[in-house]
Amino acid sequence: MVPNMEPYVKMGRTEKLYLKALRSPNNFLFRDLCLLVEKTGFKLRKSSSGTSHLFYRHPSIDEPINLQRFPKDNKLAKPYQVKQVLNIIDKYGLIESEI
């Protein structure tokens, strides 16, 4: 007989990125933050030429996301921007699974 076990829940890449951002916003890659934003339905609208800003919009949310890299030699996202993205995801319920 198998002991009482929690049901196995397979997490997708979006959920894994979300959990990683929650656990470690100070050590989250910029490219992963962009991927998380895109996987939750945001579309890249424009990037400022000559700068490192990326502007994202969601088709059903009025709140835009503006991301900027740390200095060019660093691959990490700015921790306050990771937290802003997480707040928007939570506020609008953009990740549907139980995590």
C-alpha atoms as a PDB file:
ATOM      1  CA  MET A   1       0.000   0.000   0.000  1.00  0.00           C
ATOM      2  CA  VAL A   2       1.284   3.452  -0.947  1.00  0.00           C
ATOM      3  CA  PRO A   3       1.349   6.013   1.885  1.00  0.00           C
ATOM      4  CA  ASN A   4      -0.850   9.091   1.578  1.00  0.00           C
ATOM      5  CA  MET A   5       1.047  11.292  -0.853  1.00  0.00           C
ATOM      6  CA  GLU A   6       0.412  14.750  -2.254  1.00  0.00           C
ATOM      7  CA  PRO A   7      -0.715  14.618  -5.889  1.00  0.00           C
ATOM      8  CA  TYR A   8       2.051  15.183  -8.395  1.00  0.00           C
ATOM      9  CA  VAL A   9       1.680  18.537 -10.132  1.00  0.00           C
ATOM     10  CA  LYS A  10       3.709  19.137 -13.244  1.00  0.00           C
ATOM     11  CA  MET A  11       4.828  22.753 -13.434  1.00  0.00           C
ATOM     12  CA  GLY A  12       5.400  24.457 -16.727  1.00  0.00           C
ATOM     13  CA  ARG A  13       8.273  26.767 -17.519  1.00  0.00           C
ATOM     14  CA  THR A  14       6.242  29.858 -16.664  1.00  0.00           C
ATOM     15  CA  GLU A  15       5.482  28.590 -13.166  1.00  0.00           C
ATOM     16  CA  LYS A  16       9.118  27.612 -12.630  1.00  0.00           C
ATOM     17  CA  LEU A  17      10.314  31.069 -13.665  1.00  0.00           C
ATOM     18  CA  TYR A  18       7.721  32.656 -11.388  1.00  0.00           C
ATOM     19  CA  LEU A  19       8.850  30.591  -8.397  1.00  0.00           C
ATOM     20  CA  LYS A  20      12.501  31.304  -9.127  1.00  0.00           C
ATOM     21  CA  ALA A  21      11.754  35.042  -9.241  1.00  0.00           C
ATOM     22  CA  LEU A  22       9.853  34.821  -5.945  1.00  0.00           C
ATOM     23  CA  ARG A  23      12.700  32.990  -4.252  1.00  0.00           C
ATOM     24  CA  SER A  24      15.537  35.083  -5.603  1.00  0.00           C
ATOM     25  CA  PRO A  25      14.591  38.493  -7.064  1.00  0.00           C
ATOM     26  CA  ASN A  26      18.149  39.756  -6.446  1.00  0.00           C
ATOM     27  CA  ASN A  27      19.672  37.017  -8.591  1.00  0.00           C
ATOM     28  CA  PHE A  28      17.242  36.735 -11.517  1.00  0.00           C
ATOM     29  CA  LEU A  29      18.464  36.913 -15.099  1.00  0.00           C
ATOM     30  CA  PHE A  30      17.181  39.748 -17.279  1.00  0.00           C
ATOM     31  CA  ARG A  31      16.441  37.367 -20.151  1.00  0.00           C
ATOM     32  CA  ASP A  32      14.388  35.186 -17.765  1.00  0.00           C
ATOM     33  CA  LEU A  33      12.418  38.228 -16.611  1.00  0.00           C
ATOM     34  CA  CYS A  34      11.648  39.124 -20.240  1.00  0.00           C
ATOM     35  CA  LEU A  35      10.606  35.510 -20.868  1.00  0.00           C
ATOM     36  CA  LEU A  36       8.344  35.495 -17.795  1.00  0.00           C
ATOM     37  CA  VAL A  37       6.703  38.737 -18.938  1.00  0.00           C
ATOM     38  CA  GLU A  38       6.131  37.325 -22.441  1.00  0.00           C
ATOM     39  CA  LYS A  39       4.853  33.960 -21.144  1.00  0.00           C
ATOM     40  CA  THR A  40       2.200  35.772 -19.087  1.00  0.00           C
ATOM     41  CA  GLY A  41       0.774  37.442 -22.191  1.00  0.00           C
ATOM     42  CA  PHE A  42       2.719  40.688 -22.521  1.00  0.00           C
ATOM     43  CA  LYS A  43       3.978  41.714 -25.942  1.00  0.00           C
ATOM     44  CA  LEU A  44       7.070  43.768 -26.645  1.00  0.00           C
ATOM     45  CA  ARG A  45       5.791  47.075 -28.006  1.00  0.00           C
ATOM     46  CA  LYS A  46       8.999  48.963 -28.497  1.00  0.00           C
ATOM     47  CA  SER A  47      12.514  49.295 -27.274  1.00  0.00           C
ATOM     48  CA  SER A  48      14.142  52.668 -27.087  1.00  0.00           C
ATOM     49  CA  SER A  49      16.879  52.884 -29.654  1.00  0.00           C
ATOM     50  CA  GLY A  50      20.185  53.634 -28.035  1.00  0.00           C
ATOM     51  CA  THR A  51      18.974  52.610 -24.572  1.00  0.00           C
ATOM     52  CA  SER A  52      18.406  49.380 -22.766  1.00  0.00           C
ATOM     53  CA  HIS A  53      14.668  49.943 -22.088  1.00  0.00           C
ATOM     54  CA  LEU A  54      12.066  47.420 -23.214  1.00  0.00           C
ATOM     55  CA  PHE A  55       8.364  48.332 -23.128  1.00  0.00           C
ATOM     56  CA  TYR A  56       5.718  45.613 -22.800  1.00  0.00           C
ATOM     57  CA  ARG A  57       1.907  45.844 -23.047  1.00  0.00           C
ATOM     58  CA  HIS A  58      -0.759  43.254 -22.288  1.00  0.00           C
ATOM     59  CA  PRO A  59      -3.868  43.126 -24.507  1.00  0.00           C
ATOM     60  CA  SER A  60      -6.270  43.163 -21.534  1.00  0.00           C
ATOM     61  CA  ILE A  61      -4.305  45.149 -18.921  1.00  0.00           C
ATOM     62  CA  ASP A  62      -3.730  48.901 -18.973  1.00  0.00           C
ATOM     63  CA  GLU A  63      -0.611  48.675 -16.800  1.00  0.00           C
ATOM     64  CA  PRO A  64       2.541  48.614 -18.979  1.00  0.00           C
ATOM     65  CA  ILE A  65       5.844  47.055 -17.998  1.00  0.00           C
ATOM     66  CA  ASN A  66       9.086  48.919 -18.605  1.00  0.00           C
ATOM     67  CA  LEU A  67      12.235  46.863 -18.109  1.00  0.00           C
ATOM     68  CA  GLN A  68      15.811  48.043 -18.069  1.00  0.00           C
ATOM     69  CA  ARG A  69      18.991  46.043 -17.724  1.00  0.00           C
ATOM     70  CA  PHE A  70      21.544  46.612 -15.038  1.00  0.00           C
ATOM     71  CA  PRO A  71      24.763  48.033 -16.498  1.00  0.00           C
ATOM     72  CA  LYS A  72      25.635  46.389 -19.820  1.00  0.00           C
ATOM     73  CA  ASP A  73      28.200  43.980 -18.346  1.00  0.00           C
ATOM     74  CA  ASN A  74      25.675  42.499 -15.911  1.00  0.00           C
ATOM     75  CA  LYS A  75      23.116  39.902 -17.026  1.00  0.00           C
ATOM     76  CA  LEU A  76      20.852  40.309 -13.987  1.00  0.00           C
ATOM     77  CA  ALA A  77      17.498  42.050 -13.863  1.00  0.00           C
ATOM     78  CA  LYS A  78      17.000  44.923 -11.460  1.00  0.00           C
ATOM     79  CA  PRO A  79      15.476  43.446  -8.278  1.00  0.00           C
ATOM     80  CA  TYR A  80      12.813  46.170  -7.959  1.00  0.00           C
ATOM     81  CA  GLN A  81      11.651  45.405 -11.516  1.00  0.00           C
ATOM     82  CA  VAL A  82      11.434  41.675 -10.732  1.00  0.00           C
ATOM     83  CA  LYS A  83       9.222  42.553  -7.752  1.00  0.00           C
ATOM     84  CA  GLN A  84       7.083  44.892  -9.895  1.00  0.00           C
ATOM     85  CA  VAL A  85       6.528  42.127 -12.459  1.00  0.00           C
ATOM     86  CA  LEU A  86       5.612  39.644  -9.713  1.00  0.00           C
ATOM     87  CA  ASN A  87       3.130  42.158  -8.264  1.00  0.00           C
ATOM     88  CA  ILE A  88       1.479  42.651 -11.665  1.00  0.00           C
ATOM     89  CA  ILE A  89       1.285  38.876 -12.220  1.00  0.00           C
ATOM     90  CA  ASP A  90      -0.350  38.438  -8.812  1.00  0.00           C
ATOM     91  CA  LYS A  91      -2.629  41.467  -9.128  1.00  0.00           C
ATOM     92  CA  TYR A  92      -4.125  40.286 -12.420  1.00  0.00           C
ATOM     93  CA  GLY A  93      -3.889  36.513 -11.818  1.00  0.00           C
ATOM     94  CA  LEU A  94      -1.763  35.884 -14.894  1.00  0.00           C
ATOM     95  CA  ILE A  95      -0.524  32.481 -13.706  1.00  0.00           C
ATOM     96  CA  GLU A  96      -3.428  30.088 -13.279  1.00  0.00           C
ATOM     97  CA  SER A  97      -1.844  27.038 -11.651  1.00  0.00           C
ATOM     98  CA  GLU A  98      -1.612  26.258  -7.968  1.00  0.00           C
ATOM     99  CA  ILE A  99       1.910  27.144  -6.916  1.00  0.00           C
END
